[in-house]
Amino acid sequence: MNETDRYRLKPVADARSREERVRRGDLASASANARTSQAQVDALARLVVNARTKLEVARTAQRELVARGTTSTLLVRADQFLSRTRRDLDATLDALARAEAAHRGQLDAMDVARGRLARARADREVIERHFARWRADKARLAERRED
């Protein structure tokens, strides 16, 4: 095969194909990270519900103690438990807010990866169309030579 029979942009076509594979891997990684961060958000949302339930139970228990007329020691302990439960709820809400922000960041990264993959595919398709046209031109030239 001589120099004129070889497709000169073959190295570019190979590079574009590799770029597409890399970008597909980047998108898969971003997608996996987004699923992981969504699972964290879901788990923290369940913890928030549990903490709110626990706080409501603590408030109800404290009201019952006051209504029954109990000792000051038990009232102080109930108040301390209520304060601790509120702190736990606040900490869980803060963790949920951080996890949601991280998840939004992962979704943004996934959108960027989608865009890069689309660009890599378009670049590869340009080279493939050029190669197809080159083959067709080469076939036409061969037909002319035969005639």
C-alpha atoms as a PDB file:
ATOM      1  CA  MET A   1       0.000   0.000   0.000  1.00  0.00           C
ATOM      2  CA  ASN A   2       1.558   3.304  -1.012  1.00  0.00           C
ATOM      3  CA  GLU A   3       1.301   6.703   0.677  1.00  0.00           C
ATOM      4  CA  THR A   4      -1.697   7.856  -1.375  1.00  0.00           C
ATOM      5  CA  ASP A   5      -3.742   4.784  -0.400  1.00  0.00           C
ATOM      6  CA  ARG A   6      -3.504   5.536   3.309  1.00  0.00           C
ATOM      7  CA  TYR A   7      -5.976   7.793   5.109  1.00  0.00           C
ATOM      8  CA  ARG A   8      -3.885  10.639   6.429  1.00  0.00           C
ATOM      9  CA  LEU A   9      -6.206  11.616   9.257  1.00  0.00           C
ATOM     10  CA  LYS A  10      -6.251   8.123  10.794  1.00  0.00           C
ATOM     11  CA  PRO A  11      -4.212   9.281  13.846  1.00  0.00           C
ATOM     12  CA  VAL A  12      -6.715  12.098  14.384  1.00  0.00           C
ATOM     13  CA  ALA A  13      -9.612   9.642  14.084  1.00  0.00           C
ATOM     14  CA  ASP A  14      -7.974   7.364  16.649  1.00  0.00           C
ATOM     15  CA  ALA A  15      -7.417  10.294  19.003  1.00  0.00           C
ATOM     16  CA  ARG A  16     -11.058  11.376  18.668  1.00  0.00           C
ATOM     17  CA  SER A  17     -12.250   7.844  19.425  1.00  0.00           C
ATOM     18  CA  ARG A  18     -10.036   7.682  22.512  1.00  0.00           C
ATOM     19  CA  GLU A  19     -11.294  11.098  23.613  1.00  0.00           C
ATOM     20  CA  GLU A  20     -14.885   9.888  23.345  1.00  0.00           C
ATOM     21  CA  ARG A  21     -14.118   6.789  25.429  1.00  0.00           C
ATOM     22  CA  VAL A  22     -12.445   8.952  28.074  1.00  0.00           C
ATOM     23  CA  ARG A  23     -15.400  11.350  28.158  1.00  0.00           C
ATOM     24  CA  ARG A  24     -17.827   8.420  28.429  1.00  0.00           C
ATOM     25  CA  GLY A  25     -15.848   7.214  31.446  1.00  0.00           C
ATOM     26  CA  ASP A  26     -15.923  10.709  32.940  1.00  0.00           C
ATOM     27  CA  LEU A  27     -19.701  10.802  32.578  1.00  0.00           C
ATOM     28  CA  ALA A  28     -20.046   7.360  34.152  1.00  0.00           C
ATOM     29  CA  SER A  29     -17.897   8.477  37.078  1.00  0.00           C
ATOM     30  CA  ALA A  30     -19.873  11.692  37.540  1.00  0.00           C
ATOM     31  CA  SER A  31     -23.113   9.721  37.375  1.00  0.00           C
ATOM     32  CA  ALA A  32     -21.906   7.263  40.024  1.00  0.00           C
ATOM     33  CA  ASN A  33     -20.826  10.145  42.254  1.00  0.00           C
ATOM     34  CA  ALA A  34     -24.242  11.782  41.835  1.00  0.00           C
ATOM     35  CA  ARG A  35     -25.999   8.541  42.795  1.00  0.00           C
ATOM     36  CA  THR A  36     -23.781   8.254  45.873  1.00  0.00           C
ATOM     37  CA  SER A  37     -24.450  11.835  46.928  1.00  0.00           C
ATOM     38  CA  GLN A  38     -28.199  11.317  46.380  1.00  0.00           C
ATOM     39  CA  ALA A  39     -28.071   8.279  48.664  1.00  0.00           C
ATOM     40  CA  GLN A  40     -26.354  10.412  51.313  1.00  0.00           C
ATOM     41  CA  VAL A  41     -29.027  13.099  50.986  1.00  0.00           C
ATOM     42  CA  ASP A  42     -31.768  10.481  51.316  1.00  0.00           C
ATOM     43  CA  ALA A  43     -30.137   8.948  54.401  1.00  0.00           C
ATOM     44  CA  LEU A  44     -29.754  12.350  56.047  1.00  0.00           C
ATOM     45  CA  ALA A  45     -33.368  13.243  55.225  1.00  0.00           C
ATOM     46  CA  ARG A  46     -34.455  10.090  57.071  1.00  0.00           C
ATOM     47  CA  LEU A  47     -32.256  11.106  60.019  1.00  0.00           C
ATOM     48  CA  VAL A  48     -33.905  14.538  60.060  1.00  0.00           C
ATOM     49  CA  VAL A  49     -37.351  12.918  60.194  1.00  0.00           C
ATOM     50  CA  ASN A  50     -36.186  10.671  63.035  1.00  0.00           C
ATOM     51  CA  ALA A  51     -34.677  13.620  64.927  1.00  0.00           C
ATOM     52  CA  ARG A  52     -37.881  15.644  64.541  1.00  0.00           C
ATOM     53  CA  THR A  53     -39.922  12.705  65.799  1.00  0.00           C
ATOM     54  CA  LYS A  54     -37.579  12.304  68.763  1.00  0.00           C
ATOM     55  CA  LEU A  55     -37.870  16.035  69.538  1.00  0.00           C
ATOM     56  CA  GLU A  56     -41.657  15.876  69.438  1.00  0.00           C
ATOM     57  CA  VAL A  57     -41.655  12.857  71.760  1.00  0.00           C
ATOM     58  CA  ALA A  58     -39.327  14.723  74.140  1.00  0.00           C
ATOM     59  CA  ARG A  59     -41.610  17.781  74.151  1.00  0.00           C
ATOM     60  CA  THR A  60     -44.644  15.612  74.842  1.00  0.00           C
ATOM     61  CA  ALA A  61     -42.836  13.827  77.679  1.00  0.00           C
ATOM     62  CA  GLN A  62     -41.768  17.146  79.209  1.00  0.00           C
ATOM     63  CA  ARG A  63     -45.351  18.478  79.063  1.00  0.00           C
ATOM     64  CA  GLU A  64     -46.608  15.312  80.740  1.00  0.00           C
ATOM     65  CA  LEU A  65     -44.017  15.702  83.513  1.00  0.00           C
ATOM     66  CA  VAL A  66     -45.118  19.279  84.110  1.00  0.00           C
ATOM     67  CA  ALA A  67     -48.798  18.288  84.056  1.00  0.00           C
ATOM     68  CA  ARG A  68     -48.191  15.457  86.538  1.00  0.00           C
ATOM     69  CA  GLY A  69     -46.231  17.655  88.886  1.00  0.00           C
ATOM     70  CA  THR A  70     -42.896  15.901  89.241  1.00  0.00           C
ATOM     71  CA  THR A  71     -39.599  16.756  90.930  1.00  0.00           C
ATOM     72  CA  SER A  72     -37.378  19.553  89.776  1.00  0.00           C
ATOM     73  CA  THR A  73     -34.569  17.065  89.068  1.00  0.00           C
ATOM     74  CA  LEU A  74     -36.693  15.192  86.543  1.00  0.00           C
ATOM     75  CA  LEU A  75     -37.795  18.475  84.966  1.00  0.00           C
ATOM     76  CA  VAL A  76     -34.154  19.582  84.606  1.00  0.00           C
ATOM     77  CA  ARG A  77     -33.202  16.236  83.060  1.00  0.00           C
ATOM     78  CA  ALA A  78     -36.136  16.449  80.660  1.00  0.00           C
ATOM     79  CA  ASP A  79     -35.100  19.989  79.720  1.00  0.00           C
ATOM     80  CA  GLN A  80     -31.491  18.856  79.158  1.00  0.00           C
ATOM     81  CA  PHE A  81     -32.698  15.988  76.994  1.00  0.00           C
ATOM     82  CA  LEU A  82     -34.860  18.401  75.015  1.00  0.00           C
ATOM     83  CA  SER A  83     -31.881  20.740  74.498  1.00  0.00           C
ATOM     84  CA  ARG A  84     -29.655  17.855  73.411  1.00  0.00           C
ATOM     85  CA  THR A  85     -32.333  16.645  70.999  1.00  0.00           C
ATOM     86  CA  ARG A  86     -32.641  20.147  69.503  1.00  0.00           C
ATOM     87  CA  ARG A  87     -28.837  20.293  69.032  1.00  0.00           C
ATOM     88  CA  ASP A  88     -28.922  16.887  67.340  1.00  0.00           C
ATOM     89  CA  LEU A  89     -31.684  18.069  65.019  1.00  0.00           C
ATOM     90  CA  ASP A  90     -29.749  21.248  64.177  1.00  0.00           C
ATOM     91  CA  ALA A  91     -26.596  19.242  63.458  1.00  0.00           C
ATOM     92  CA  THR A  92     -28.533  16.841  61.251  1.00  0.00           C
ATOM     93  CA  LEU A  93     -30.176  19.726  59.378  1.00  0.00           C
ATOM     94  CA  ASP A  94     -26.742  21.290  58.812  1.00  0.00           C
ATOM     95  CA  ALA A  95     -25.378  17.981  57.522  1.00  0.00           C
ATOM     96  CA  LEU A  96     -28.398  17.659  55.223  1.00  0.00           C
ATOM     97  CA  ALA A  97     -27.836  21.163  53.829  1.00  0.00           C
ATOM     98  CA  ARG A  98     -24.161  20.362  53.167  1.00  0.00           C
ATOM     99  CA  ALA A  99     -25.074  17.056  51.512  1.00  0.00           C
ATOM    100  CA  GLU A 100     -27.678  18.751  49.306  1.00  0.00           C
ATOM    101  CA  ALA A 101     -25.119  21.370  48.241  1.00  0.00           C
ATOM    102  CA  ALA A 102     -22.604  18.626  47.453  1.00  0.00           C
ATOM    103  CA  HIS A 103     -25.253  16.767  45.467  1.00  0.00           C
ATOM    104  CA  ARG A 104     -26.066  19.888  43.444  1.00  0.00           C
ATOM    105  CA  GLY A 105     -22.336  20.151  42.714  1.00  0.00           C
ATOM    106  CA  GLN A 106     -22.296  16.537  41.545  1.00  0.00           C
ATOM    107  CA  LEU A 107     -25.281  17.186  39.285  1.00  0.00           C
ATOM    108  CA  ASP A 108     -23.468  20.190  37.811  1.00  0.00           C
ATOM    109  CA  ALA A 109     -20.372  18.044  37.245  1.00  0.00           C
ATOM    110  CA  MET A 110     -22.554  15.472  35.500  1.00  0.00           C
ATOM    111  CA  ASP A 111     -23.996  18.159  33.207  1.00  0.00           C
ATOM    112  CA  VAL A 112     -20.479  19.328  32.334  1.00  0.00           C
ATOM    113  CA  ALA A 113     -19.437  15.736  31.624  1.00  0.00           C
ATOM    114  CA  ARG A 114     -22.490  15.304  29.365  1.00  0.00           C
ATOM    115  CA  GLY A 115     -21.509  18.397  27.418  1.00  0.00           C
ATOM    116  CA  ARG A 116     -17.928  17.228  27.023  1.00  0.00           C
ATOM    117  CA  LEU A 117     -19.092  13.812  25.840  1.00  0.00           C
ATOM    118  CA  ALA A 118     -21.424  15.416  23.299  1.00  0.00           C
ATOM    119  CA  ARG A 119     -18.543  17.532  22.009  1.00  0.00           C
ATOM    120  CA  ALA A 120     -16.225  14.503  21.781  1.00  0.00           C
ATOM    121  CA  ARG A 121     -18.886  12.546  19.882  1.00  0.00           C
ATOM    122  CA  ALA A 122     -19.419  15.423  17.481  1.00  0.00           C
ATOM    123  CA  ASP A 123     -15.668  15.693  16.855  1.00  0.00           C
ATOM    124  CA  ARG A 124     -15.459  11.955  16.185  1.00  0.00           C
ATOM    125  CA  GLU A 125     -18.429  12.074  13.825  1.00  0.00           C
ATOM    126  CA  VAL A 126     -16.813  14.874  11.809  1.00  0.00           C
ATOM    127  CA  ILE A 127     -13.753  12.710  11.240  1.00  0.00           C
ATOM    128  CA  GLU A 128     -15.921   9.663  10.424  1.00  0.00           C
ATOM    129  CA  ARG A 129     -17.867  11.649   7.818  1.00  0.00           C
ATOM    130  CA  HIS A 130     -14.613  12.900   6.332  1.00  0.00           C
ATOM    131  CA  PHE A 131     -13.275   9.339   6.205  1.00  0.00           C
ATOM    132  CA  ALA A 132     -16.468   8.111   4.496  1.00  0.00           C
ATOM    133  CA  ARG A 133     -16.221  10.901   1.936  1.00  0.00           C
ATOM    134  CA  TRP A 134     -12.522  10.086   1.400  1.00  0.00           C
ATOM    135  CA  ARG A 135     -13.381   6.416   0.773  1.00  0.00           C
ATOM    136  CA  ALA A 136     -16.146   7.364  -1.657  1.00  0.00           C
ATOM    137  CA  ASP A 137     -13.818   9.733  -3.520  1.00  0.00           C
ATOM    138  CA  LYS A 138     -11.166   7.027  -3.627  1.00  0.00           C
ATOM    139  CA  ALA A 139     -13.689   4.510  -5.010  1.00  0.00           C
ATOM    140  CA  ARG A 140     -14.836   7.000  -7.675  1.00  0.00           C
ATOM    141  CA  LEU A 141     -11.228   7.635  -8.646  1.00  0.00           C
ATOM    142  CA  ALA A 142     -10.606   3.883  -8.923  1.00  0.00           C
ATOM    143  CA  GLU A 143     -13.687   3.515 -11.151  1.00  0.00           C
ATOM    144  CA  ARG A 144     -12.446   6.287 -13.420  1.00  0.00           C
ATOM    145  CA  ARG A 145      -9.075   4.612 -13.695  1.00  0.00           C
ATOM    146  CA  GLU A 146     -10.735   1.333 -14.685  1.00  0.00           C
ATOM    147  CA  ASP A 147     -12.742   3.042 -17.439  1.00  0.00           C
END
